[in-house]
Every structure is written in C-alpha cells, then in structure tokens.
Amino acid sequence: MLAVERRNLILEKLQEDKKVIVSELSQEFQVSEETIRRDLDKLDKDGLAVKSYGGAVLNENTSLDMPFNIRKKNNPAGKQKIAKIVETLIEDGDHIILDPSTTAVFIAKALKQKERLTVITNSIEVILELSDVADWNIISSGGSLKEGYLALVGPRAIEGLGAFNVEKVVLSCKGLDMEKGITDGNELFSQAKQTMLKSAKQCILAVDHTKFGKVAFSKICDINHIHMVVTDEKPSDTWLELFEHSGITCLYPEN
C-alpha cells in the first residue's frame, strides 16, 4: 500500500472516530509505529489532524477542507435526503449550475431521471457522474484543477461560470451562520460560488445540519442572498424564524 493510500484510510478513520491510536493503526496496516507516526506528522502538517500522545485527533476547524474522496463519505444518508428534495425542485428543460461539493454529486445522481437539462459546473466529479446521460447538455466552466478537490477554479472558471444565465444554482457551503452568513473554507471556491449566484435567478442552498452555526474562512454571501435552503434535518425554531423573516423557503424531510 502506498503511503498516500494509507493516510487517506487514516483520514477516513479520523472522520468516523474523531481520533486514532498509533499502536492500533500499526497493527491494522502491518507497518511499524514509526511509519504511522510519520503519517500522522504529515496529516498534522497539512492541518487535517492534531497529533496527541500516542495518536492523533481530527482537526475540526471549519476553515480546513478534507480531500474530496474523504468528504464524499461523510453523512451520505443526509446528502441523499437533500438530493431527493432538490430533485423535486428541478424541472425538465431547466438550465442549472451545480457547485463542486460532494452534495452536488448526490444531487446529480438524483436528477438523472429528468429530461433535457443543461448543467453547468466546475466539478470534475459531477461531469463524470453525468457522462452517461444522453439528452442533457453538460458544460464545464473551464479553469485550473484544484489539487485534491476535483474542482476547477481560478479566473478561467469564473469567466466560464459568468458566461451563462440559468434558472437555478445549487450551492453547498462549509458554514451557515446568522451573523457571518454563508462561508466556505477556500477563497477560490467562494469566488466561483459568488459568480454562480450572479448567473442564476434562484439560489438553492443544499446544506446538511452539521453546517448550521459554523463559520468557515471565506465568505460567499449573506443569508438573504439565497432563496431556498434544503437540509437533511429540521432546523431549530430560531433558524426557521430567521428564514421566514428573510423570505427564505426551508425544506427538510418530514420524518
């Protein structure tokens, strides 16, 4: 097993258990404890974990992003619930933008029964997911590939995203805070999503319950810039009151 593969598996365990122990990882991967310590050193240096005595704990700082292949395994049931609701909001023939979030991949899968959709995206994973759909128009934003994210970013991506006018954009985020608004962990992502917002008549924020009350590094927009929130669990009464006051529709599973 390559070191990068082992570190990704360690990251998966950190996502699930929030901590790992050197001796246990050494036995599981059949390598020395010193090798595991080097793996944890690398994860600590990258800001993904925090080393502790005998192991490490997950760095839950919302300003940091896990690699795409790790994030897509986080709360898949919640993302499926969100995707099922978003599917009801998209009509045959719609022109839509999907962001490069893991939630967008679940949404893309849920939309495959629709007809004649035009989908614009800066997500490599979404493009691959929709590559077998016959009667759709799939448009890539262009741009530079962001390492570890399967996302296209930068000036070319912004230019491509801004060249179209669509009915709906579906965005996700790292944090949703009543005062700080909607935020992401990376400025390049925030810039691209700001352009997506300007290109759409309606903005649908697809975000699971773990993002409520969180603040990440880079601001995308204020809460009142979106039209609809789709989430996997009923928000608190305080959030529901804020959405109602702001004229934002909030959709979530009834049970």
C-alpha atoms as a PDB file:
ATOM      1  CA  MET A   1       0.000   0.000   0.000  1.00  0.00           C
ATOM      2  CA  LEU A   2       1.250   3.455  -0.919  1.00  0.00           C
ATOM      3  CA  ALA A   3       1.751   5.975   1.880  1.00  0.00           C
ATOM      4  CA  VAL A   4      -0.881   8.309   0.418  1.00  0.00           C
ATOM      5  CA  GLU A   5      -3.425   5.461   0.345  1.00  0.00           C
ATOM      6  CA  ARG A   6      -2.678   4.648   3.976  1.00  0.00           C
ATOM      7  CA  ARG A   7      -3.018   8.288   5.012  1.00  0.00           C
ATOM      8  CA  ASN A   8      -6.383   8.522   3.250  1.00  0.00           C
ATOM      9  CA  LEU A   9      -7.583   5.461   5.156  1.00  0.00           C
ATOM     10  CA  ILE A  10      -6.344   7.037   8.396  1.00  0.00           C
ATOM     11  CA  LEU A  11      -8.293  10.183   7.475  1.00  0.00           C
ATOM     12  CA  GLU A  12     -11.415   8.086   6.978  1.00  0.00           C
ATOM     13  CA  LYS A  13     -10.981   6.628  10.465  1.00  0.00           C
ATOM     14  CA  LEU A  14     -10.483  10.115  11.864  1.00  0.00           C
ATOM     15  CA  GLN A  15     -13.712  11.251  10.198  1.00  0.00           C
ATOM     16  CA  GLU A  16     -15.604   8.345  11.742  1.00  0.00           C
ATOM     17  CA  ASP A  17     -13.986   8.065  15.195  1.00  0.00           C
ATOM     18  CA  LYS A  18     -12.515  11.586  15.646  1.00  0.00           C
ATOM     19  CA  LYS A  19      -9.282  10.040  16.947  1.00  0.00           C
ATOM     20  CA  VAL A  20      -6.753   7.307  16.132  1.00  0.00           C
ATOM     21  CA  ILE A  21      -4.117   5.429  18.147  1.00  0.00           C
ATOM     22  CA  VAL A  22      -0.643   4.686  16.785  1.00  0.00           C
ATOM     23  CA  SER A  23      -0.416   1.121  18.107  1.00  0.00           C
ATOM     24  CA  GLU A  24      -3.804   0.168  16.671  1.00  0.00           C
ATOM     25  CA  LEU A  25      -3.000   1.663  13.257  1.00  0.00           C
ATOM     26  CA  SER A  26       0.351  -0.125  13.240  1.00  0.00           C
ATOM     27  CA  GLN A  27      -1.368  -3.479  13.695  1.00  0.00           C
ATOM     28  CA  GLU A  28      -4.148  -2.730  11.222  1.00  0.00           C
ATOM     29  CA  PHE A  29      -1.834  -1.661   8.382  1.00  0.00           C
ATOM     30  CA  GLN A  30       1.014  -4.062   9.257  1.00  0.00           C
ATOM     31  CA  VAL A  31       3.643  -1.317   9.405  1.00  0.00           C
ATOM     32  CA  SER A  32       5.880  -0.021  12.157  1.00  0.00           C
ATOM     33  CA  GLU A  33       4.682   2.514  14.710  1.00  0.00           C
ATOM     34  CA  GLU A  34       7.376   4.864  13.395  1.00  0.00           C
ATOM     35  CA  THR A  35       5.776   4.707   9.927  1.00  0.00           C
ATOM     36  CA  ILE A  36       2.388   5.569  11.423  1.00  0.00           C
ATOM     37  CA  ARG A  37       3.921   8.480  13.322  1.00  0.00           C
ATOM     38  CA  ARG A  38       5.311   9.815  10.034  1.00  0.00           C
ATOM     39  CA  ASP A  39       1.838   9.521   8.521  1.00  0.00           C
ATOM     40  CA  LEU A  40       0.377  11.470  11.433  1.00  0.00           C
ATOM     41  CA  ASP A  41       3.165  14.040  11.153  1.00  0.00           C
ATOM     42  CA  LYS A  42       2.157  14.601   7.520  1.00  0.00           C
ATOM     43  CA  LEU A  43      -1.560  14.894   8.385  1.00  0.00           C
ATOM     44  CA  ASP A  44      -0.705  17.290  11.214  1.00  0.00           C
ATOM     45  CA  LYS A  45       1.467  19.393   8.897  1.00  0.00           C
ATOM     46  CA  ASP A  46      -1.368  19.533   6.344  1.00  0.00           C
ATOM     47  CA  GLY A  47      -3.725  20.731   9.073  1.00  0.00           C
ATOM     48  CA  LEU A  48      -6.018  17.700   8.802  1.00  0.00           C
ATOM     49  CA  ALA A  49      -5.172  16.185  12.187  1.00  0.00           C
ATOM     50  CA  VAL A  50      -3.713  17.265  15.507  1.00  0.00           C
ATOM     51  CA  LYS A  51      -1.108  14.941  16.982  1.00  0.00           C
ATOM     52  CA  SER A  52      -1.616  13.873  20.562  1.00  0.00           C
ATOM     53  CA  TYR A  53       0.171  11.479  22.875  1.00  0.00           C
ATOM     54  CA  GLY A  54       0.047   8.046  21.285  1.00  0.00           C
ATOM     55  CA  GLY A  55      -2.095   9.092  18.337  1.00  0.00           C
ATOM     56  CA  ALA A  56      -3.992  11.996  16.797  1.00  0.00           C
ATOM     57  CA  VAL A  57      -7.395  13.654  16.763  1.00  0.00           C
ATOM     58  CA  LEU A  58      -9.338  15.113  13.854  1.00  0.00           C
ATOM     59  CA  ASN A  59      -8.826  18.814  13.216  1.00  0.00           C
ATOM     60  CA  GLU A  60     -12.422  20.036  13.078  1.00  0.00           C
ATOM     61  CA  ASN A  61     -11.509  23.599  12.141  1.00  0.00           C
ATOM     62  CA  THR A  62     -14.142  24.572   9.530  1.00  0.00           C
ATOM     63  CA  SER A  63     -11.550  26.635   7.651  1.00  0.00           C
ATOM     64  CA  LEU A  64      -9.928  23.405   6.509  1.00  0.00           C
ATOM     65  CA  ASP A  65     -11.219  21.042   3.854  1.00  0.00           C
ATOM     66  CA  MET A  66     -10.728  17.308   3.713  1.00  0.00           C
ATOM     67  CA  PRO A  67      -9.829  15.836   0.304  1.00  0.00           C
ATOM     68  CA  PHE A  68     -12.859  15.188  -1.897  1.00  0.00           C
ATOM     69  CA  ASN A  69     -12.634  11.393  -1.637  1.00  0.00           C
ATOM     70  CA  ILE A  70     -12.804  11.693   2.159  1.00  0.00           C
ATOM     71  CA  ARG A  71     -15.601  14.295   2.277  1.00  0.00           C
ATOM     72  CA  LYS A  72     -17.885  12.318  -0.030  1.00  0.00           C
ATOM     73  CA  LYS A  73     -18.096   9.566   2.600  1.00  0.00           C
ATOM     74  CA  ASN A  74     -19.252  11.999   5.281  1.00  0.00           C
ATOM     75  CA  ASN A  75     -23.002  11.836   6.060  1.00  0.00           C
ATOM     76  CA  PRO A  76     -24.085  10.125   2.815  1.00  0.00           C
ATOM     77  CA  ALA A  77     -27.586   9.448   4.209  1.00  0.00           C
ATOM     78  CA  GLY A  78     -28.109  13.164   4.839  1.00  0.00           C
ATOM     79  CA  LYS A  79     -26.884  14.081   1.372  1.00  0.00           C
ATOM     80  CA  GLN A  80     -29.236  11.549  -0.191  1.00  0.00           C
ATOM     81  CA  LYS A  81     -32.163  13.119   1.678  1.00  0.00           C
ATOM     82  CA  ILE A  82     -31.137  16.553   0.422  1.00  0.00           C
ATOM     83  CA  ALA A  83     -30.749  15.276  -3.146  1.00  0.00           C
ATOM     84  CA  LYS A  84     -34.221  13.724  -3.084  1.00  0.00           C
ATOM     85  CA  ILE A  85     -35.766  17.087  -2.144  1.00  0.00           C
ATOM     86  CA  VAL A  86     -33.711  19.078  -4.665  1.00  0.00           C
ATOM     87  CA  GLU A  87     -34.826  16.646  -7.383  1.00  0.00           C
ATOM     88  CA  THR A  88     -38.413  17.843  -6.877  1.00  0.00           C
ATOM     89  CA  LEU A  89     -37.344  21.465  -7.435  1.00  0.00           C
ATOM     90  CA  ILE A  90     -35.744  20.927 -10.846  1.00  0.00           C
ATOM     91  CA  GLU A  91     -37.995  20.783 -13.908  1.00  0.00           C
ATOM     92  CA  ASP A  92     -37.410  19.159 -17.293  1.00  0.00           C
ATOM     93  CA  GLY A  93     -35.592  21.574 -19.575  1.00  0.00           C
ATOM     94  CA  ASP A  94     -34.084  23.649 -16.740  1.00  0.00           C
ATOM     95  CA  HIS A  95     -30.683  25.285 -17.019  1.00  0.00           C
ATOM     96  CA  ILE A  96     -28.860  24.827 -13.706  1.00  0.00           C
ATOM     97  CA  ILE A  97     -25.459  25.287 -12.096  1.00  0.00           C
ATOM     98  CA  LEU A  98     -24.046  22.697  -9.691  1.00  0.00           C
ATOM     99  CA  ASP A  99     -21.087  23.551  -7.469  1.00  0.00           C
ATOM    100  CA  PRO A 100     -18.116  21.218  -6.789  1.00  0.00           C
ATOM    101  CA  SER A 101     -19.418  19.935  -3.451  1.00  0.00           C
ATOM    102  CA  THR A 102     -19.901  16.286  -2.539  1.00  0.00           C
ATOM    103  CA  THR A 103     -23.602  17.061  -2.037  1.00  0.00           C
ATOM    104  CA  ALA A 104     -23.808  18.135  -5.690  1.00  0.00           C
ATOM    105  CA  VAL A 105     -22.699  14.659  -6.774  1.00  0.00           C
ATOM    106  CA  PHE A 106     -25.623  13.112  -4.885  1.00  0.00           C
ATOM    107  CA  ILE A 107     -27.922  15.681  -6.483  1.00  0.00           C
ATOM    108  CA  ALA A 108     -26.572  14.910  -9.948  1.00  0.00           C
ATOM    109  CA  LYS A 109     -27.372  11.222  -9.404  1.00  0.00           C
ATOM    110  CA  ALA A 110     -30.901  12.063  -8.250  1.00  0.00           C
ATOM    111  CA  LEU A 111     -31.565  14.243 -11.299  1.00  0.00           C
ATOM    112  CA  LYS A 112     -30.817  11.592 -13.917  1.00  0.00           C
ATOM    113  CA  GLN A 113     -34.493  10.851 -14.498  1.00  0.00           C
ATOM    114  CA  LYS A 114     -35.041  14.429 -15.671  1.00  0.00           C
ATOM    115  CA  GLU A 115     -35.075  15.314 -19.362  1.00  0.00           C
ATOM    116  CA  ARG A 116     -33.259  17.950 -21.418  1.00  0.00           C
ATOM    117  CA  LEU A 117     -31.370  19.540 -18.549  1.00  0.00           C
ATOM    118  CA  THR A 118     -28.462  21.880 -19.144  1.00  0.00           C
ATOM    119  CA  VAL A 119     -25.936  21.565 -16.308  1.00  0.00           C
ATOM    120  CA  ILE A 120     -23.031  23.966 -15.906  1.00  0.00           C
ATOM    121  CA  THR A 121     -20.430  23.007 -13.327  1.00  0.00           C
ATOM    122  CA  ASN A 122     -16.831  23.369 -12.213  1.00  0.00           C
ATOM    123  CA  SER A 123     -16.941  19.898 -10.637  1.00  0.00           C
ATOM    124  CA  ILE A 124     -14.985  17.108 -12.328  1.00  0.00           C
ATOM    125  CA  GLU A 125     -16.916  14.554 -10.261  1.00  0.00           C
ATOM    126  CA  VAL A 126     -20.298  15.914 -11.388  1.00  0.00           C
ATOM    127  CA  ILE A 127     -19.168  15.832 -15.027  1.00  0.00           C
ATOM    128  CA  LEU A 128     -18.090  12.198 -14.642  1.00  0.00           C
ATOM    129  CA  GLU A 129     -21.341  11.309 -12.880  1.00  0.00           C
ATOM    130  CA  LEU A 130     -23.396  12.748 -15.740  1.00  0.00           C
ATOM    131  CA  SER A 131     -21.203  11.490 -18.585  1.00  0.00           C
ATOM    132  CA  ASP A 132     -23.653   8.699 -19.461  1.00  0.00           C
ATOM    133  CA  VAL A 133     -26.778  10.894 -19.720  1.00  0.00           C
ATOM    134  CA  ALA A 134     -27.845  11.062 -23.360  1.00  0.00           C
ATOM    135  CA  ASP A 135     -30.136  14.074 -23.816  1.00  0.00           C
ATOM    136  CA  TRP A 136     -28.533  16.618 -21.496  1.00  0.00           C
ATOM    137  CA  ASN A 137     -26.150  19.469 -22.230  1.00  0.00           C
ATOM    138  CA  ILE A 138     -23.216  19.255 -19.798  1.00  0.00           C
ATOM    139  CA  ILE A 139     -20.987  22.339 -19.789  1.00  0.00           C
ATOM    140  CA  SER A 140     -17.668  22.634 -17.979  1.00  0.00           C
ATOM    141  CA  SER A 141     -16.642  26.007 -16.608  1.00  0.00           C
ATOM    142  CA  GLY A 142     -13.026  25.503 -17.588  1.00  0.00           C
ATOM    143  CA  GLY A 143     -10.302  26.652 -15.225  1.00  0.00           C
ATOM    144  CA  SER A 144      -7.426  25.212 -13.240  1.00  0.00           C
ATOM    145  CA  LEU A 145      -7.742  21.929 -11.360  1.00  0.00           C
ATOM    146  CA  LYS A 146      -7.508  22.359  -7.588  1.00  0.00           C
ATOM    147  CA  GLU A 147      -5.375  19.550  -6.206  1.00  0.00           C
ATOM    148  CA  GLY A 148      -7.327  17.107  -4.054  1.00  0.00           C
ATOM    149  CA  TYR A 149     -10.696  18.741  -4.741  1.00  0.00           C
ATOM    150  CA  LEU A 150     -11.739  17.593  -8.253  1.00  0.00           C
ATOM    151  CA  ALA A 151     -12.807  21.193  -8.828  1.00  0.00           C
ATOM    152  CA  LEU A 152     -11.953  23.786 -11.460  1.00  0.00           C
ATOM    153  CA  VAL A 153     -11.136  27.237 -10.076  1.00  0.00           C
ATOM    154  CA  GLY A 154      -9.411  30.487 -10.912  1.00  0.00           C
ATOM    155  CA  PRO A 155     -10.061  33.282 -13.449  1.00  0.00           C
ATOM    156  CA  ARG A 156     -10.955  30.938 -16.316  1.00  0.00           C
ATOM    157  CA  ALA A 157     -13.521  29.118 -14.162  1.00  0.00           C
ATOM    158  CA  ILE A 158     -15.078  32.402 -13.047  1.00  0.00           C
ATOM    159  CA  GLU A 159     -15.210  33.618 -16.653  1.00  0.00           C
ATOM    160  CA  GLY A 160     -16.880  30.382 -17.748  1.00  0.00           C
ATOM    161  CA  LEU A 161     -19.430  30.383 -14.938  1.00  0.00           C
ATOM    162  CA  GLY A 162     -20.277  34.023 -15.577  1.00  0.00           C
ATOM    163  CA  ALA A 163     -20.939  33.479 -19.268  1.00  0.00           C
ATOM    164  CA  PHE A 164     -24.357  31.872 -18.725  1.00  0.00           C
ATOM    165  CA  ASN A 165     -27.764  32.783 -17.334  1.00  0.00           C
ATOM    166  CA  VAL A 166     -29.642  29.944 -15.627  1.00  0.00           C
ATOM    167  CA  GLU A 167     -32.880  29.365 -13.757  1.00  0.00           C
ATOM    168  CA  LYS A 168     -31.318  27.783 -10.667  1.00  0.00           C
ATOM    169  CA  VAL A 169     -28.000  27.335  -8.923  1.00  0.00           C
ATOM    170  CA  VAL A 170     -27.496  24.685  -6.264  1.00  0.00           C
ATOM    171  CA  LEU A 171     -24.747  25.557  -3.781  1.00  0.00           C
ATOM    172  CA  SER A 172     -23.320  23.996  -0.667  1.00  0.00           C
ATOM    173  CA  CYS A 173     -21.028  25.534   1.928  1.00  0.00           C
ATOM    174  CA  LYS A 174     -18.832  24.834   4.951  1.00  0.00           C
ATOM    175  CA  GLY A 175     -20.656  27.154   7.325  1.00  0.00           C
ATOM    176  CA  LEU A 176     -24.029  28.831   7.764  1.00  0.00           C
ATOM    177  CA  ASP A 177     -24.112  31.471  10.491  1.00  0.00           C
ATOM    178  CA  MET A 178     -26.811  34.001  11.363  1.00  0.00           C
ATOM    179  CA  GLU A 179     -24.344  36.884  11.530  1.00  0.00           C
ATOM    180  CA  LYS A 180     -21.438  35.820   9.317  1.00  0.00           C
ATOM    181  CA  GLY A 181     -23.631  34.425   6.554  1.00  0.00           C
ATOM    182  CA  ILE A 182     -22.647  31.639   4.177  1.00  0.00           C
ATOM    183  CA  THR A 183     -18.968  30.714   4.187  1.00  0.00           C
ATOM    184  CA  ASP A 184     -16.512  28.262   2.634  1.00  0.00           C
ATOM    185  CA  GLY A 185     -13.065  27.015   3.548  1.00  0.00           C
ATOM    186  CA  ASN A 186     -11.311  28.300   0.438  1.00  0.00           C
ATOM    187  CA  GLU A 187     -11.312  31.728  -1.202  1.00  0.00           C
ATOM    188  CA  LEU A 188     -11.123  30.260  -4.708  1.00  0.00           C
ATOM    189  CA  PHE A 189     -14.317  28.298  -4.065  1.00  0.00           C
ATOM    190  CA  SER A 190     -16.072  31.332  -2.600  1.00  0.00           C
ATOM    191  CA  GLN A 191     -15.196  33.452  -5.627  1.00  0.00           C
ATOM    192  CA  ALA A 192     -16.559  30.818  -8.005  1.00  0.00           C
ATOM    193  CA  LYS A 193     -19.772  30.463  -5.991  1.00  0.00           C
ATOM    194  CA  GLN A 194     -20.268  34.236  -5.921  1.00  0.00           C
ATOM    195  CA  THR A 195     -20.194  34.165  -9.727  1.00  0.00           C
ATOM    196  CA  MET A 196     -22.667  31.273  -9.750  1.00  0.00           C
ATOM    197  CA  LEU A 197     -25.065  33.342  -7.643  1.00  0.00           C
ATOM    198  CA  LYS A 198     -24.928  36.244 -10.085  1.00  0.00           C
ATOM    199  CA  SER A 199     -25.683  33.904 -13.001  1.00  0.00           C
ATOM    200  CA  ALA A 200     -28.895  32.423 -11.537  1.00  0.00           C
ATOM    201  CA  LYS A 201     -32.437  33.645 -10.958  1.00  0.00           C
ATOM    202  CA  GLN A 202     -32.857  31.386  -7.930  1.00  0.00           C
ATOM    203  CA  CYS A 203     -30.301  30.123  -5.423  1.00  0.00           C
ATOM    204  CA  ILE A 204     -30.883  26.834  -3.612  1.00  0.00           C
ATOM    205  CA  LEU A 205     -28.537  26.236  -0.676  1.00  0.00           C
ATOM    206  CA  ALA A 206     -28.188  22.482  -0.170  1.00  0.00           C
ATOM    207  CA  VAL A 207     -26.553  22.021   3.219  1.00  0.00           C
ATOM    208  CA  ASP A 208     -26.699  19.322   5.877  1.00  0.00           C
ATOM    209  CA  HIS A 209     -27.467  20.022   9.523  1.00  0.00           C
ATOM    210  CA  THR A 210     -23.809  19.910  10.624  1.00  0.00           C
ATOM    211  CA  LYS A 211     -23.078  23.208   8.821  1.00  0.00           C
ATOM    212  CA  PHE A 212     -25.589  25.274  10.816  1.00  0.00           C
ATOM    213  CA  GLY A 213     -23.923  27.636  13.276  1.00  0.00           C
ATOM    214  CA  LYS A 214     -20.488  27.119  11.716  1.00  0.00           C
ATOM    215  CA  VAL A 215     -18.205  29.799  10.276  1.00  0.00           C
ATOM    216  CA  ALA A 216     -15.523  28.991   7.716  1.00  0.00           C
ATOM    217  CA  PHE A 217     -12.664  31.086   6.357  1.00  0.00           C
ATOM    218  CA  SER A 218     -14.086  32.807   3.274  1.00  0.00           C
ATOM    219  CA  LYS A 219     -17.479  34.476   2.918  1.00  0.00           C
ATOM    220  CA  ILE A 220     -19.677  33.598  -0.049  1.00  0.00           C
ATOM    221  CA  CYS A 221     -22.651  35.855   0.673  1.00  0.00           C
ATOM    222  CA  ASP A 222     -25.158  36.995   3.262  1.00  0.00           C
ATOM    223  CA  ILE A 223     -28.046  34.690   4.107  1.00  0.00           C
ATOM    224  CA  ASN A 224     -30.594  36.984   2.467  1.00  0.00           C
ATOM    225  CA  HIS A 225     -28.896  36.449  -0.920  1.00  0.00           C
ATOM    226  CA  ILE A 226     -30.347  32.943  -1.187  1.00  0.00           C
ATOM    227  CA  HIS A 227     -33.928  31.944  -1.917  1.00  0.00           C
ATOM    228  CA  MET A 228     -34.203  28.437  -0.523  1.00  0.00           C
ATOM    229  CA  VAL A 229     -32.479  26.146   1.980  1.00  0.00           C
ATOM    230  CA  VAL A 230     -32.656  22.376   1.624  1.00  0.00           C
ATOM    231  CA  THR A 231     -31.313  20.380   4.560  1.00  0.00           C
ATOM    232  CA  ASP A 232     -31.461  16.857   5.986  1.00  0.00           C
ATOM    233  CA  GLU A 233     -32.950  17.631   9.427  1.00  0.00           C
ATOM    234  CA  LYS A 234     -35.461  20.151  10.729  1.00  0.00           C
ATOM    235  CA  PRO A 235     -33.553  23.277  11.855  1.00  0.00           C
ATOM    236  CA  SER A 236     -34.162  24.897  15.226  1.00  0.00           C
ATOM    237  CA  ASP A 237     -37.071  27.300  15.682  1.00  0.00           C
ATOM    238  CA  THR A 238     -34.597  30.183  15.753  1.00  0.00           C
ATOM    239  CA  TRP A 239     -33.309  29.278  12.308  1.00  0.00           C
ATOM    240  CA  LEU A 240     -36.800  28.724  10.946  1.00  0.00           C
ATOM    241  CA  GLU A 241     -37.856  32.152  12.227  1.00  0.00           C
ATOM    242  CA  LEU A 242     -34.820  33.746  10.577  1.00  0.00           C
ATOM    243  CA  PHE A 243     -35.598  32.065   7.259  1.00  0.00           C
ATOM    244  CA  GLU A 244     -39.235  33.140   7.428  1.00  0.00           C
ATOM    245  CA  HIS A 245     -38.261  36.710   8.285  1.00  0.00           C
ATOM    246  CA  SER A 246     -35.807  36.741   5.357  1.00  0.00           C
ATOM    247  CA  GLY A 247     -38.334  35.320   2.896  1.00  0.00           C
ATOM    248  CA  ILE A 248     -36.337  32.091   2.510  1.00  0.00           C
ATOM    249  CA  THR A 249     -38.135  28.785   1.982  1.00  0.00           C
ATOM    250  CA  CYS A 250     -36.671  25.958   4.097  1.00  0.00           C
ATOM    251  CA  LEU A 251     -37.276  22.368   3.039  1.00  0.00           C
ATOM    252  CA  TYR A 252     -36.335  19.240   5.022  1.00  0.00           C
ATOM    253  CA  PRO A 253     -37.575  15.643   5.373  1.00  0.00           C
ATOM    254  CA  GLU A 254     -40.800  15.329   7.333  1.00  0.00           C
ATOM    255  CA  ASN A 255     -39.560  12.249   9.184  1.00  0.00           C
END
